[in-house]
Amino acid sequence: MNNSIKILSIIVLILSIAWNYYSPGFEPAITAIASLVTFLGLFFLGRKSDVPILDIVLTIERPKSEIDKHWDKLIFSFYREEFIHPKVIEDLQGLISDNGEQIVSINLIDSQGSNRYFNEFKTKETGSQCPFVYYEIENSSFGYQYIASTESGIHILSTSEWGGEAVFSCA
């Protein structure tokens, strides 16, 4: 390993311990602990193998989450037949006029096809793997397109809504 990195690690460790000594607190303590772990890793763990530790960590396959394990077995989907009704997504999104974070939950299995989510919805091919799923009622529409999922199982959707008719009057 490069000696300049080892020297820099020692300097950072000494400075973080001094910072924690002269100004005790949460941040100095965390910095001292982090620099100590880095120091130990560079000097002791790096000697056991010629393979950098970071490469080992990056090649370990992450275990699948519960959502990943059962995604293909779920009844409803964002990107295949038996789509989640767009009104469910609209309700989860909340009103555009609201600010802050609202907490909303919907029982998806019992809600699909219920009186609240009864109207027909359509799909439109977009050129990507996932279609745009939407509904239209009178002078409004709402729809979504599945974008991706995070490693923690959060689904990312692009939504679009249009509503109302502009009415202008002149006196």
N, C-alpha and C. Protein backbone atom coordinates (compact mmCIF):
# COMPACT_ATOMS: atom_id res chain seq x y z
N MET A 1 0.84 -1.17 0.00
CA MET A 1 0.00 0.00 0.00
C MET A 1 0.89 1.24 0.00
N ASN A 2 0.41 2.27 -0.57
CA ASN A 2 1.14 3.51 -0.69
C ASN A 2 1.44 4.10 0.69
N ASN A 3 2.73 4.43 0.95
CA ASN A 3 3.12 4.96 2.26
C ASN A 3 2.49 6.32 2.54
N SER A 4 2.25 7.13 1.53
CA SER A 4 1.65 8.44 1.76
C SER A 4 0.22 8.31 2.30
N ILE A 5 -0.49 7.27 1.87
CA ILE A 5 -1.84 7.04 2.39
C ILE A 5 -1.77 6.63 3.86
N LYS A 6 -0.79 5.80 4.20
CA LYS A 6 -0.63 5.39 5.60
C LYS A 6 -0.27 6.59 6.48
N ILE A 7 0.61 7.44 6.01
CA ILE A 7 1.01 8.63 6.78
C ILE A 7 -0.18 9.57 6.95
N LEU A 8 -0.94 9.75 5.88
CA LEU A 8 -2.13 10.59 5.95
C LEU A 8 -3.14 10.03 6.94
N SER A 9 -3.29 8.71 6.95
CA SER A 9 -4.19 8.07 7.91
C SER A 9 -3.77 8.31 9.35
N ILE A 10 -2.48 8.25 9.62
CA ILE A 10 -1.96 8.51 10.97
C ILE A 10 -2.23 9.96 11.37
N ILE A 11 -2.00 10.89 10.45
CA ILE A 11 -2.22 12.30 10.74
C ILE A 11 -3.70 12.57 11.05
N VAL A 12 -4.59 11.99 10.25
CA VAL A 12 -6.02 12.17 10.47
C VAL A 12 -6.43 11.59 11.81
N LEU A 13 -5.91 10.41 12.16
CA LEU A 13 -6.21 9.79 13.45
C LEU A 13 -5.77 10.69 14.60
N ILE A 14 -4.54 11.20 14.55
CA ILE A 14 -4.02 12.07 15.61
C ILE A 14 -4.85 13.35 15.73
N LEU A 15 -5.17 13.96 14.60
CA LEU A 15 -5.96 15.20 14.63
C LEU A 15 -7.38 14.96 15.16
N SER A 16 -7.99 13.84 14.78
CA SER A 16 -9.34 13.57 15.26
C SER A 16 -9.36 13.27 16.76
N ILE A 17 -8.32 12.58 17.27
CA ILE A 17 -8.23 12.34 18.72
C ILE A 17 -8.02 13.65 19.45
N ALA A 18 -7.17 14.53 18.91
CA ALA A 18 -6.94 15.83 19.53
C ALA A 18 -8.22 16.67 19.53
N TRP A 19 -8.96 16.65 18.43
CA TRP A 19 -10.22 17.38 18.34
C TRP A 19 -11.19 16.88 19.41
N ASN A 20 -11.28 15.56 19.56
CA ASN A 20 -12.18 14.98 20.55
C ASN A 20 -11.72 15.33 21.98
N TYR A 21 -10.41 15.42 22.21
CA TYR A 21 -9.87 15.73 23.53
C TYR A 21 -10.16 17.19 23.91
N TYR A 22 -9.93 18.11 22.98
CA TYR A 22 -10.08 19.54 23.28
C TYR A 22 -11.52 20.04 23.15
N SER A 23 -12.32 19.34 22.35
CA SER A 23 -13.72 19.75 22.15
C SER A 23 -14.60 18.50 22.15
N PRO A 24 -14.83 17.91 23.33
CA PRO A 24 -15.61 16.66 23.37
C PRO A 24 -17.02 16.88 22.82
N GLY A 25 -17.47 15.92 22.08
CA GLY A 25 -18.81 15.98 21.50
C GLY A 25 -19.05 14.79 20.59
N PHE A 26 -20.24 14.77 20.04
CA PHE A 26 -20.64 13.66 19.20
C PHE A 26 -19.81 13.60 17.91
N GLU A 27 -19.71 14.71 17.18
CA GLU A 27 -18.99 14.73 15.91
C GLU A 27 -17.51 14.40 16.06
N PRO A 28 -16.80 14.99 17.04
CA PRO A 28 -15.40 14.63 17.20
C PRO A 28 -15.21 13.15 17.57
N ALA A 29 -16.12 12.63 18.38
CA ALA A 29 -16.01 11.21 18.78
C ALA A 29 -16.22 10.29 17.58
N ILE A 30 -17.23 10.59 16.77
CA ILE A 30 -17.50 9.77 15.57
C ILE A 30 -16.33 9.87 14.60
N THR A 31 -15.77 11.05 14.44
CA THR A 31 -14.63 11.23 13.55
C THR A 31 -13.42 10.45 14.04
N ALA A 32 -13.19 10.46 15.35
CA ALA A 32 -12.07 9.71 15.92
C ALA A 32 -12.27 8.21 15.72
N ILE A 33 -13.47 7.74 15.94
CA ILE A 33 -13.75 6.30 15.76
C ILE A 33 -13.58 5.91 14.29
N ALA A 34 -14.11 6.72 13.39
CA ALA A 34 -14.00 6.41 11.96
C ALA A 34 -12.55 6.41 11.50
N SER A 35 -11.77 7.38 11.97
CA SER A 35 -10.37 7.41 11.56
C SER A 35 -9.58 6.26 12.19
N LEU A 36 -9.96 5.84 13.39
CA LEU A 36 -9.31 4.68 14.02
C LEU A 36 -9.59 3.40 13.22
N VAL A 37 -10.84 3.23 12.82
CA VAL A 37 -11.20 2.05 12.01
C VAL A 37 -10.45 2.08 10.68
N THR A 38 -10.36 3.24 10.06
CA THR A 38 -9.62 3.37 8.81
C THR A 38 -8.15 3.04 9.01
N PHE A 39 -7.57 3.58 10.07
CA PHE A 39 -6.17 3.32 10.39
C PHE A 39 -5.92 1.82 10.57
N LEU A 40 -6.76 1.17 11.38
CA LEU A 40 -6.60 -0.27 11.62
C LEU A 40 -6.77 -1.07 10.33
N GLY A 41 -7.73 -0.66 9.52
CA GLY A 41 -7.95 -1.36 8.26
C GLY A 41 -6.78 -1.24 7.31
N LEU A 42 -6.21 -0.05 7.23
CA LEU A 42 -5.08 0.17 6.32
C LEU A 42 -3.83 -0.58 6.79
N PHE A 43 -3.59 -0.60 8.08
CA PHE A 43 -2.35 -1.19 8.58
C PHE A 43 -2.43 -2.69 8.83
N PHE A 44 -3.57 -3.19 9.22
CA PHE A 44 -3.63 -4.59 9.60
C PHE A 44 -4.41 -5.47 8.63
N LEU A 45 -5.57 -5.04 8.21
CA LEU A 45 -6.37 -5.88 7.31
C LEU A 45 -5.79 -5.90 5.91
N GLY A 46 -5.18 -4.81 5.48
CA GLY A 46 -4.59 -4.73 4.15
C GLY A 46 -3.40 -5.65 3.97
N ARG A 47 -2.73 -6.06 5.04
CA ARG A 47 -1.54 -6.92 4.94
C ARG A 47 -1.88 -8.38 4.72
N LYS A 48 -3.09 -8.81 5.06
CA LYS A 48 -3.45 -10.22 4.96
C LYS A 48 -3.68 -10.66 3.52
N SER A 49 -3.95 -9.74 2.66
CA SER A 49 -4.29 -10.09 1.29
C SER A 49 -3.82 -8.99 0.34
N ASP A 50 -3.54 -9.39 -0.87
CA ASP A 50 -3.18 -8.41 -1.89
C ASP A 50 -4.41 -7.78 -2.53
N VAL A 51 -5.60 -8.36 -2.24
CA VAL A 51 -6.84 -7.85 -2.81
C VAL A 51 -7.35 -6.71 -1.94
N PRO A 52 -7.60 -5.55 -2.52
CA PRO A 52 -8.12 -4.44 -1.71
C PRO A 52 -9.45 -4.80 -1.05
N ILE A 53 -9.63 -4.33 0.18
CA ILE A 53 -10.83 -4.65 0.95
C ILE A 53 -12.08 -4.15 0.23
N LEU A 54 -12.01 -2.98 -0.38
CA LEU A 54 -13.18 -2.42 -1.05
C LEU A 54 -13.67 -3.33 -2.17
N ASP A 55 -12.76 -3.95 -2.92
CA ASP A 55 -13.15 -4.86 -3.98
C ASP A 55 -13.89 -6.07 -3.42
N ILE A 56 -13.47 -6.55 -2.26
CA ILE A 56 -14.14 -7.70 -1.65
C ILE A 56 -15.56 -7.31 -1.25
N VAL A 57 -15.71 -6.15 -0.64
CA VAL A 57 -17.03 -5.70 -0.20
C VAL A 57 -17.96 -5.52 -1.38
N LEU A 58 -17.47 -4.95 -2.48
CA LEU A 58 -18.31 -4.70 -3.64
C LEU A 58 -18.72 -5.97 -4.37
N THR A 59 -17.96 -7.04 -4.24
CA THR A 59 -18.30 -8.26 -4.96
C THR A 59 -19.20 -9.19 -4.16
N ILE A 60 -19.44 -8.91 -2.90
CA ILE A 60 -20.35 -9.73 -2.10
C ILE A 60 -21.76 -9.46 -2.59
N GLU A 61 -22.49 -10.51 -2.94
CA GLU A 61 -23.84 -10.33 -3.44
C GLU A 61 -24.78 -10.04 -2.28
N ARG A 62 -25.58 -9.02 -2.44
CA ARG A 62 -26.53 -8.64 -1.40
C ARG A 62 -27.68 -9.63 -1.39
N PRO A 63 -28.11 -10.06 -0.19
CA PRO A 63 -29.26 -10.96 -0.14
C PRO A 63 -30.52 -10.24 -0.61
N LYS A 64 -31.39 -10.95 -1.27
CA LYS A 64 -32.60 -10.34 -1.77
C LYS A 64 -33.53 -9.99 -0.61
N SER A 65 -34.20 -8.84 -0.73
CA SER A 65 -35.16 -8.45 0.29
C SER A 65 -36.42 -9.30 0.12
N GLU A 66 -37.31 -9.22 1.09
CA GLU A 66 -38.55 -9.97 1.02
C GLU A 66 -39.38 -9.56 -0.20
N ILE A 67 -39.35 -8.28 -0.55
CA ILE A 67 -40.09 -7.82 -1.72
C ILE A 67 -39.49 -8.42 -2.98
N ASP A 68 -38.15 -8.43 -3.09
CA ASP A 68 -37.49 -9.01 -4.27
C ASP A 68 -37.81 -10.49 -4.42
N LYS A 69 -37.84 -11.21 -3.30
CA LYS A 69 -38.06 -12.65 -3.35
C LYS A 69 -39.44 -12.99 -3.92
N HIS A 70 -40.44 -12.15 -3.62
CA HIS A 70 -41.81 -12.49 -3.97
C HIS A 70 -42.42 -11.59 -5.04
N TRP A 71 -41.62 -10.73 -5.66
CA TRP A 71 -42.15 -9.76 -6.61
C TRP A 71 -42.90 -10.41 -7.75
N ASP A 72 -42.36 -11.51 -8.29
CA ASP A 72 -43.01 -12.18 -9.42
C ASP A 72 -44.30 -12.89 -9.00
N LYS A 73 -44.47 -13.15 -7.71
CA LYS A 73 -45.64 -13.87 -7.22
C LYS A 73 -46.77 -12.93 -6.80
N LEU A 74 -46.50 -11.63 -6.74
CA LEU A 74 -47.53 -10.69 -6.34
C LEU A 74 -48.61 -10.61 -7.41
N ILE A 75 -49.84 -10.39 -6.99
CA ILE A 75 -50.96 -10.35 -7.92
C ILE A 75 -50.91 -9.10 -8.79
N PHE A 76 -50.63 -7.95 -8.16
CA PHE A 76 -50.68 -6.68 -8.88
C PHE A 76 -49.28 -6.16 -9.16
N SER A 77 -49.17 -5.37 -10.22
CA SER A 77 -47.85 -4.95 -10.67
C SER A 77 -47.90 -3.54 -11.24
N PHE A 78 -46.72 -2.93 -11.35
CA PHE A 78 -46.59 -1.64 -12.01
C PHE A 78 -46.25 -1.80 -13.49
N TYR A 79 -45.77 -2.99 -13.90
CA TYR A 79 -45.25 -3.11 -15.25
C TYR A 79 -45.75 -4.31 -16.05
N ARG A 80 -46.68 -5.08 -15.52
CA ARG A 80 -47.27 -6.19 -16.28
C ARG A 80 -48.77 -6.23 -16.03
N GLU A 81 -49.49 -7.07 -16.76
CA GLU A 81 -50.95 -7.17 -16.62
C GLU A 81 -51.32 -7.31 -15.15
N GLU A 82 -52.55 -6.98 -14.83
CA GLU A 82 -53.02 -6.83 -13.45
C GLU A 82 -52.33 -5.63 -12.82
N PHE A 83 -52.34 -4.52 -13.56
CA PHE A 83 -51.71 -3.29 -13.10
C PHE A 83 -52.39 -2.76 -11.84
N ILE A 84 -51.63 -2.08 -11.03
CA ILE A 84 -52.18 -1.37 -9.88
C ILE A 84 -52.98 -0.19 -10.43
N HIS A 85 -54.19 -0.03 -9.95
CA HIS A 85 -55.07 1.02 -10.48
C HIS A 85 -54.43 2.39 -10.27
N PRO A 86 -54.45 3.24 -11.29
CA PRO A 86 -53.85 4.57 -11.17
C PRO A 86 -54.44 5.42 -10.05
N LYS A 87 -55.74 5.23 -9.72
CA LYS A 87 -56.33 6.00 -8.62
C LYS A 87 -55.68 5.65 -7.29
N VAL A 88 -55.20 4.43 -7.12
CA VAL A 88 -54.48 4.05 -5.90
C VAL A 88 -53.22 4.90 -5.78
N ILE A 89 -52.49 5.00 -6.88
CA ILE A 89 -51.25 5.80 -6.88
C ILE A 89 -51.58 7.27 -6.66
N GLU A 90 -52.67 7.74 -7.27
CA GLU A 90 -53.07 9.13 -7.09
C GLU A 90 -53.38 9.41 -5.62
N ASP A 91 -54.08 8.51 -4.96
CA ASP A 91 -54.39 8.69 -3.54
C ASP A 91 -53.13 8.64 -2.68
N LEU A 92 -52.19 7.77 -3.03
CA LEU A 92 -50.94 7.70 -2.27
C LEU A 92 -50.11 8.97 -2.46
N GLN A 93 -50.19 9.56 -3.64
CA GLN A 93 -49.44 10.77 -3.94
C GLN A 93 -49.98 11.97 -3.18
N GLY A 94 -51.27 12.02 -2.93
CA GLY A 94 -51.86 13.16 -2.24
C GLY A 94 -52.17 14.28 -3.21
N LEU A 95 -52.71 15.35 -2.64
CA LEU A 95 -53.08 16.50 -3.46
C LEU A 95 -51.87 17.36 -3.78
N ILE A 96 -51.85 17.92 -4.95
CA ILE A 96 -50.73 18.77 -5.35
C ILE A 96 -50.66 20.03 -4.49
N SER A 97 -51.79 20.44 -3.93
CA SER A 97 -51.82 21.65 -3.10
C SER A 97 -51.31 21.40 -1.68
N ASP A 98 -51.19 20.14 -1.27
CA ASP A 98 -50.67 19.83 0.07
C ASP A 98 -49.17 20.00 0.11
N ASN A 99 -48.68 20.44 1.26
CA ASN A 99 -47.23 20.48 1.44
C ASN A 99 -46.87 19.64 2.66
N GLY A 100 -45.60 19.38 2.83
CA GLY A 100 -45.18 18.51 3.92
C GLY A 100 -45.34 17.06 3.52
N GLU A 101 -45.13 16.20 4.48
CA GLU A 101 -45.23 14.77 4.22
C GLU A 101 -46.48 14.20 4.87
N GLN A 102 -47.35 13.62 4.08
CA GLN A 102 -48.54 12.95 4.59
C GLN A 102 -48.25 11.46 4.67
N ILE A 103 -48.81 10.80 5.63
CA ILE A 103 -48.65 9.35 5.75
C ILE A 103 -49.95 8.72 5.26
N VAL A 104 -49.85 7.90 4.21
CA VAL A 104 -51.02 7.29 3.61
C VAL A 104 -50.72 5.81 3.41
N SER A 105 -51.70 4.96 3.66
CA SER A 105 -51.54 3.55 3.32
C SER A 105 -52.85 3.05 2.72
N ILE A 106 -52.73 2.10 1.83
CA ILE A 106 -53.89 1.52 1.17
C ILE A 106 -53.70 0.01 1.12
N ASN A 107 -54.72 -0.73 1.51
CA ASN A 107 -54.70 -2.18 1.41
C ASN A 107 -54.90 -2.52 -0.07
N LEU A 108 -53.82 -2.82 -0.74
CA LEU A 108 -53.85 -2.99 -2.19
C LEU A 108 -54.73 -4.16 -2.62
N ILE A 109 -54.66 -5.26 -1.94
CA ILE A 109 -55.40 -6.46 -2.36
C ILE A 109 -56.90 -6.22 -2.28
N ASP A 110 -57.38 -5.60 -1.19
CA ASP A 110 -58.81 -5.35 -1.05
C ASP A 110 -59.28 -4.13 -1.81
N SER A 111 -58.39 -3.22 -2.14
CA SER A 111 -58.78 -1.98 -2.82
C SER A 111 -58.97 -2.15 -4.32
N GLN A 112 -58.14 -2.97 -4.93
CA GLN A 112 -58.26 -3.18 -6.38
C GLN A 112 -59.67 -3.67 -6.68
N GLY A 113 -60.38 -2.97 -7.55
CA GLY A 113 -61.73 -3.37 -7.94
C GLY A 113 -62.81 -2.95 -6.95
N SER A 114 -62.45 -2.25 -5.88
CA SER A 114 -63.46 -1.79 -4.92
C SER A 114 -64.24 -0.63 -5.52
N ASN A 115 -65.27 -0.18 -4.81
CA ASN A 115 -66.08 0.94 -5.31
C ASN A 115 -65.26 2.20 -5.50
N ARG A 116 -64.27 2.42 -4.67
CA ARG A 116 -63.44 3.62 -4.79
C ARG A 116 -62.57 3.57 -6.06
N TYR A 117 -62.13 2.39 -6.44
CA TYR A 117 -61.23 2.23 -7.59
C TYR A 117 -61.90 1.37 -8.67
N PHE A 118 -63.11 1.78 -9.04
CA PHE A 118 -63.90 0.95 -9.95
C PHE A 118 -63.72 1.28 -11.41
N ASN A 119 -63.39 2.52 -11.74
CA ASN A 119 -63.43 2.92 -13.15
C ASN A 119 -62.34 2.25 -13.97
N GLU A 120 -62.62 2.19 -15.25
CA GLU A 120 -61.69 1.57 -16.19
C GLU A 120 -60.42 2.42 -16.32
N PHE A 121 -59.33 1.74 -16.58
CA PHE A 121 -58.10 2.47 -16.88
C PHE A 121 -57.49 1.86 -18.12
N LYS A 122 -56.57 2.62 -18.72
CA LYS A 122 -55.98 2.23 -19.99
C LYS A 122 -54.47 2.16 -19.85
N THR A 123 -53.83 1.56 -20.84
CA THR A 123 -52.37 1.55 -20.90
C THR A 123 -51.95 2.09 -22.26
N LYS A 124 -50.81 2.75 -22.28
CA LYS A 124 -50.27 3.29 -23.52
C LYS A 124 -48.80 2.89 -23.59
N GLU A 125 -48.40 2.27 -24.69
CA GLU A 125 -47.00 1.91 -24.86
C GLU A 125 -46.16 3.17 -25.00
N THR A 126 -44.98 3.15 -24.39
CA THR A 126 -44.14 4.34 -24.37
C THR A 126 -42.80 4.15 -25.05
N GLY A 127 -42.53 2.97 -25.55
CA GLY A 127 -41.23 2.71 -26.15
C GLY A 127 -40.25 2.11 -25.16
N SER A 128 -40.61 2.10 -23.89
CA SER A 128 -39.78 1.45 -22.89
C SER A 128 -40.47 0.15 -22.48
N GLN A 129 -39.88 -0.57 -21.57
CA GLN A 129 -40.46 -1.85 -21.14
C GLN A 129 -41.78 -1.65 -20.39
N CYS A 130 -41.94 -0.51 -19.75
CA CYS A 130 -43.09 -0.28 -18.90
C CYS A 130 -44.07 0.68 -19.55
N PRO A 131 -45.34 0.29 -19.65
CA PRO A 131 -46.33 1.17 -20.27
C PRO A 131 -46.77 2.28 -19.32
N PHE A 132 -47.43 3.28 -19.86
CA PHE A 132 -48.04 4.34 -19.08
C PHE A 132 -49.45 3.86 -18.75
N VAL A 133 -49.80 3.80 -17.46
CA VAL A 133 -51.10 3.31 -17.00
C VAL A 133 -51.88 4.53 -16.52
N TYR A 134 -53.11 4.73 -17.06
CA TYR A 134 -53.84 5.96 -16.74
C TYR A 134 -55.34 5.75 -16.79
N TYR A 135 -56.06 6.70 -16.21
CA TYR A 135 -57.52 6.73 -16.33
C TYR A 135 -57.93 8.14 -16.74
N GLU A 136 -59.11 8.22 -17.33
CA GLU A 136 -59.69 9.50 -17.73
C GLU A 136 -61.13 9.55 -17.24
N ILE A 137 -61.47 10.63 -16.53
CA ILE A 137 -62.84 10.84 -16.08
C ILE A 137 -63.19 12.28 -16.41
N GLU A 138 -64.26 12.46 -17.16
CA GLU A 138 -64.74 13.79 -17.57
C GLU A 138 -63.57 14.64 -18.07
N ASN A 139 -63.22 15.69 -17.35
CA ASN A 139 -62.18 16.61 -17.80
C ASN A 139 -60.88 16.42 -17.03
N SER A 140 -60.58 15.22 -16.61
CA SER A 140 -59.33 15.01 -15.87
C SER A 140 -58.76 13.63 -16.17
N SER A 141 -57.48 13.50 -15.90
CA SER A 141 -56.83 12.20 -16.05
C SER A 141 -55.64 12.13 -15.09
N PHE A 142 -55.25 10.91 -14.80
CA PHE A 142 -54.08 10.67 -13.95
C PHE A 142 -53.46 9.37 -14.42
N GLY A 143 -52.12 9.32 -14.40
CA GLY A 143 -51.45 8.09 -14.80
C GLY A 143 -50.06 7.99 -14.22
N TYR A 144 -49.49 6.81 -14.37
CA TYR A 144 -48.14 6.58 -13.88
C TYR A 144 -47.38 5.66 -14.83
N GLN A 145 -46.07 5.72 -14.72
CA GLN A 145 -45.20 4.79 -15.42
C GLN A 145 -44.12 4.34 -14.43
N TYR A 146 -43.91 3.05 -14.36
CA TYR A 146 -42.90 2.48 -13.48
C TYR A 146 -41.52 2.82 -14.03
N ILE A 147 -40.63 3.31 -13.13
CA ILE A 147 -39.27 3.69 -13.53
C ILE A 147 -38.27 2.65 -13.04
N ALA A 148 -38.25 2.37 -11.73
CA ALA A 148 -37.28 1.45 -11.15
C ALA A 148 -37.64 1.16 -9.70
N SER A 149 -36.85 0.30 -9.07
CA SER A 149 -36.96 0.02 -7.63
C SER A 149 -35.60 0.21 -7.00
N THR A 150 -35.59 0.71 -5.77
CA THR A 150 -34.34 0.85 -5.04
C THR A 150 -34.00 -0.49 -4.40
N GLU A 151 -32.79 -0.62 -3.88
CA GLU A 151 -32.38 -1.85 -3.22
C GLU A 151 -33.23 -2.15 -2.00
N SER A 152 -33.78 -1.12 -1.37
CA SER A 152 -34.61 -1.33 -0.18
C SER A 152 -36.06 -1.63 -0.52
N GLY A 153 -36.40 -1.69 -1.80
CA GLY A 153 -37.75 -2.07 -2.19
C GLY A 153 -38.69 -0.91 -2.45
N ILE A 154 -38.20 0.30 -2.50
CA ILE A 154 -39.03 1.46 -2.81
C ILE A 154 -39.19 1.56 -4.32
N HIS A 155 -40.44 1.66 -4.77
CA HIS A 155 -40.72 1.73 -6.20
C HIS A 155 -40.77 3.19 -6.64
N ILE A 156 -40.15 3.49 -7.75
CA ILE A 156 -40.09 4.84 -8.27
C ILE A 156 -40.99 4.90 -9.50
N LEU A 157 -41.94 5.83 -9.46
CA LEU A 157 -42.89 6.00 -10.55
C LEU A 157 -42.83 7.43 -11.05
N SER A 158 -43.11 7.60 -12.32
CA SER A 158 -43.31 8.93 -12.88
C SER A 158 -44.81 9.10 -13.02
N THR A 159 -45.37 10.16 -12.43
CA THR A 159 -46.81 10.37 -12.50
C THR A 159 -47.12 11.61 -13.30
N SER A 160 -48.34 11.62 -13.84
CA SER A 160 -48.79 12.76 -14.64
C SER A 160 -50.27 12.94 -14.38
N GLU A 161 -50.67 14.19 -14.17
CA GLU A 161 -52.09 14.44 -13.99
C GLU A 161 -52.51 15.69 -14.74
N TRP A 162 -53.75 15.69 -15.16
CA TRP A 162 -54.31 16.83 -15.86
C TRP A 162 -55.75 16.93 -15.39
N GLY A 163 -56.21 18.12 -15.15
CA GLY A 163 -57.57 18.24 -14.68
C GLY A 163 -58.15 19.60 -14.95
N GLY A 164 -59.44 19.56 -15.18
CA GLY A 164 -60.17 20.81 -15.27
C GLY A 164 -60.19 21.41 -16.64
N GLU A 165 -60.99 22.40 -16.74
CA GLU A 165 -61.13 23.12 -17.99
C GLU A 165 -60.98 24.59 -17.66
N ALA A 166 -60.15 25.28 -18.38
CA ALA A 166 -59.92 26.69 -18.10
C ALA A 166 -61.16 27.49 -18.53
N VAL A 167 -61.64 28.30 -17.62
CA VAL A 167 -62.81 29.14 -17.92
C VAL A 167 -62.38 30.59 -17.71
N PHE A 168 -62.50 31.37 -18.75
CA PHE A 168 -62.12 32.77 -18.69
C PHE A 168 -63.36 33.63 -18.97
N SER A 169 -63.45 34.70 -18.29
CA SER A 169 -64.57 35.61 -18.59
C SER A 169 -64.01 37.02 -18.75
N CYS A 170 -64.58 37.72 -19.66
CA CYS A 170 -64.16 39.11 -19.90
C CYS A 170 -65.36 40.02 -19.64
N ALA A 171 -65.10 41.11 -19.00
CA ALA A 171 -66.19 42.04 -18.73
C ALA A 171 -66.14 43.20 -19.68
